[in-house]
Amino acid sequence: MQTKTITFELTSWEMERMRHILNAIKDFNRTTDDKADITYDVIQNLEGADHLLAKHIGLEQPACEHGQRNWYADYAWKEDEA
C-alpha cells in the first residue's frame, strides 16, 4: 500500500469554493439516501469541482492529440505520467 502526504494552500476564493463543493457532495449524498430528486443547484455547485480538487492534490488529465486537456480522460498522478 502506498501512502501520499498532500499539503496545499488555498486562496480565500478557493477556500469558499471548497466549502461549496463539500456541502454539495454532502447534499448529493443525503438526497440519494432519501431517494429524492437531485436539484439543479446541487449539480451546479459541483461544476468544475473535479478540476479544483485535482489541481491541489497533484492530479491531471492527459492531453489529447491536439495538446489540449482531454476532459473525458481519467485523472492520474502527475509524477506517474512521466
C-alpha atoms as a PDB file:
ATOM      1  CA  MET A   1       0.000   0.000   0.000  1.00  0.00           C
ATOM      2  CA  GLN A   2       1.345   3.379  -0.989  1.00  0.00           C
ATOM      3  CA  THR A   3       0.755   6.474   1.038  1.00  0.00           C
ATOM      4  CA  LYS A   4       0.917  10.071  -0.091  1.00  0.00           C
ATOM      5  CA  THR A   5       1.038  13.196   2.008  1.00  0.00           C
ATOM      6  CA  ILE A   6      -0.732  16.070   0.331  1.00  0.00           C
ATOM      7  CA  THR A   7      -0.460  19.640   1.523  1.00  0.00           C
ATOM      8  CA  PHE A   8      -1.921  22.561  -0.343  1.00  0.00           C
ATOM      9  CA  GLU A   9      -2.680  26.214   0.164  1.00  0.00           C
ATOM     10  CA  LEU A  10      -5.923  27.811  -0.903  1.00  0.00           C
ATOM     11  CA  THR A  11      -6.712  31.406  -1.697  1.00  0.00           C
ATOM     12  CA  SER A  12      -9.751  32.877   0.032  1.00  0.00           C
ATOM     13  CA  TRP A  13     -11.812  32.272  -3.123  1.00  0.00           C
ATOM     14  CA  GLU A  14     -10.663  28.633  -3.287  1.00  0.00           C
ATOM     15  CA  MET A  15     -11.430  28.109   0.404  1.00  0.00           C
ATOM     16  CA  GLU A  16     -15.009  29.246  -0.148  1.00  0.00           C
ATOM     17  CA  ARG A  17     -15.269  27.167  -3.339  1.00  0.00           C
ATOM     18  CA  MET A  18     -14.010  24.102  -1.449  1.00  0.00           C
ATOM     19  CA  ARG A  19     -16.690  24.658   1.208  1.00  0.00           C
ATOM     20  CA  HIS A  20     -19.374  24.834  -1.501  1.00  0.00           C
ATOM     21  CA  ILE A  21     -18.046  21.647  -3.108  1.00  0.00           C
ATOM     22  CA  LEU A  22     -18.028  19.723   0.162  1.00  0.00           C
ATOM     23  CA  ASN A  23     -21.538  20.901   1.020  1.00  0.00           C
ATOM     24  CA  ALA A  24     -22.743  19.928  -2.463  1.00  0.00           C
ATOM     25  CA  ILE A  25     -21.245  16.444  -2.069  1.00  0.00           C
ATOM     26  CA  LYS A  26     -22.943  16.183   1.328  1.00  0.00           C
ATOM     27  CA  ASP A  27     -26.267  17.313  -0.171  1.00  0.00           C
ATOM     28  CA  PHE A  28     -25.846  14.857  -3.039  1.00  0.00           C
ATOM     29  CA  ASN A  29     -25.228  12.010  -0.587  1.00  0.00           C
ATOM     30  CA  ARG A  30     -28.177  12.923   1.631  1.00  0.00           C
ATOM     31  CA  THR A  31     -30.502  13.360  -1.354  1.00  0.00           C
ATOM     32  CA  THR A  32     -29.620   9.957  -2.772  1.00  0.00           C
ATOM     33  CA  ASP A  33     -30.035   8.402   0.701  1.00  0.00           C
ATOM     34  CA  ASP A  34     -33.598   9.705   0.694  1.00  0.00           C
ATOM     35  CA  LYS A  35     -34.142   8.614  -2.935  1.00  0.00           C
ATOM     36  CA  ALA A  36     -35.161  12.181  -3.721  1.00  0.00           C
ATOM     37  CA  ASP A  37     -34.568  14.137  -6.911  1.00  0.00           C
ATOM     38  CA  ILE A  38     -31.192  15.812  -7.284  1.00  0.00           C
ATOM     39  CA  THR A  39     -31.664  19.535  -7.776  1.00  0.00           C
ATOM     40  CA  TYR A  40     -30.035  21.687 -10.404  1.00  0.00           C
ATOM     41  CA  ASP A  41     -28.396  23.740  -7.634  1.00  0.00           C
ATOM     42  CA  VAL A  42     -26.557  20.682  -6.274  1.00  0.00           C
ATOM     43  CA  ILE A  43     -25.252  19.818  -9.731  1.00  0.00           C
ATOM     44  CA  GLN A  44     -24.306  23.454 -10.386  1.00  0.00           C
ATOM     45  CA  ASN A  45     -22.285  23.603  -7.156  1.00  0.00           C
ATOM     46  CA  LEU A  46     -20.271  20.592  -8.310  1.00  0.00           C
ATOM     47  CA  GLU A  47     -19.396  22.139 -11.688  1.00  0.00           C
ATOM     48  CA  GLY A  48     -15.603  22.199 -12.015  1.00  0.00           C
ATOM     49  CA  ALA A  49     -15.086  20.605  -8.606  1.00  0.00           C
ATOM     50  CA  ASP A  50     -13.009  17.798 -10.093  1.00  0.00           C
ATOM     51  CA  HIS A  51     -10.540  20.231 -11.641  1.00  0.00           C
ATOM     52  CA  LEU A  52     -10.144  22.346  -8.498  1.00  0.00           C
ATOM     53  CA  LEU A  53      -9.561  19.330  -6.276  1.00  0.00           C
ATOM     54  CA  ALA A  54      -7.260  17.616  -8.787  1.00  0.00           C
ATOM     55  CA  LYS A  55      -5.134  20.734  -9.200  1.00  0.00           C
ATOM     56  CA  HIS A  56      -4.442  20.941  -5.479  1.00  0.00           C
ATOM     57  CA  ILE A  57      -3.718  17.285  -4.844  1.00  0.00           C
ATOM     58  CA  GLY A  58      -1.440  16.683  -7.814  1.00  0.00           C
ATOM     59  CA  LEU A  59      -3.706  15.019 -10.380  1.00  0.00           C
ATOM     60  CA  GLU A  60      -4.105  15.931 -14.024  1.00  0.00           C
ATOM     61  CA  GLN A  61      -5.832  14.688 -17.136  1.00  0.00           C
ATOM     62  CA  PRO A  62      -3.646  13.732 -20.102  1.00  0.00           C
ATOM     63  CA  ALA A  63      -3.580  15.913 -23.182  1.00  0.00           C
ATOM     64  CA  CYS A  64      -5.305  14.826 -26.389  1.00  0.00           C
ATOM     65  CA  GLU A  65      -3.581  14.716 -29.779  1.00  0.00           C
ATOM     66  CA  HIS A  66      -4.040  18.489 -30.178  1.00  0.00           C
ATOM     67  CA  GLY A  67      -2.218  19.193 -26.912  1.00  0.00           C
ATOM     68  CA  GLN A  68      -5.299  20.335 -25.025  1.00  0.00           C
ATOM     69  CA  ARG A  69      -6.650  18.733 -21.881  1.00  0.00           C
ATOM     70  CA  ASN A  70      -8.755  15.638 -22.566  1.00  0.00           C
ATOM     71  CA  TRP A  71     -11.848  16.452 -20.499  1.00  0.00           C
ATOM     72  CA  TYR A  72     -13.117  12.846 -20.649  1.00  0.00           C
ATOM     73  CA  ALA A  73      -9.889  11.126 -19.557  1.00  0.00           C
ATOM     74  CA  ASP A  74      -9.371   9.866 -16.024  1.00  0.00           C
ATOM     75  CA  TYR A  75      -7.104  11.850 -13.736  1.00  0.00           C
ATOM     76  CA  ALA A  76      -3.667  10.407 -12.960  1.00  0.00           C
ATOM     77  CA  TRP A  77      -0.938  11.431 -10.544  1.00  0.00           C
ATOM     78  CA  LYS A  78       1.350  13.924 -12.277  1.00  0.00           C
ATOM     79  CA  GLU A  79       4.556  12.064 -11.434  1.00  0.00           C
ATOM     80  CA  ASP A  80       3.090   8.759 -12.677  1.00  0.00           C
ATOM     81  CA  GLU A  81       2.731  10.096 -16.211  1.00  0.00           C
ATOM     82  CA  ALA A  82       6.428  10.992 -16.522  1.00  0.00           C
END
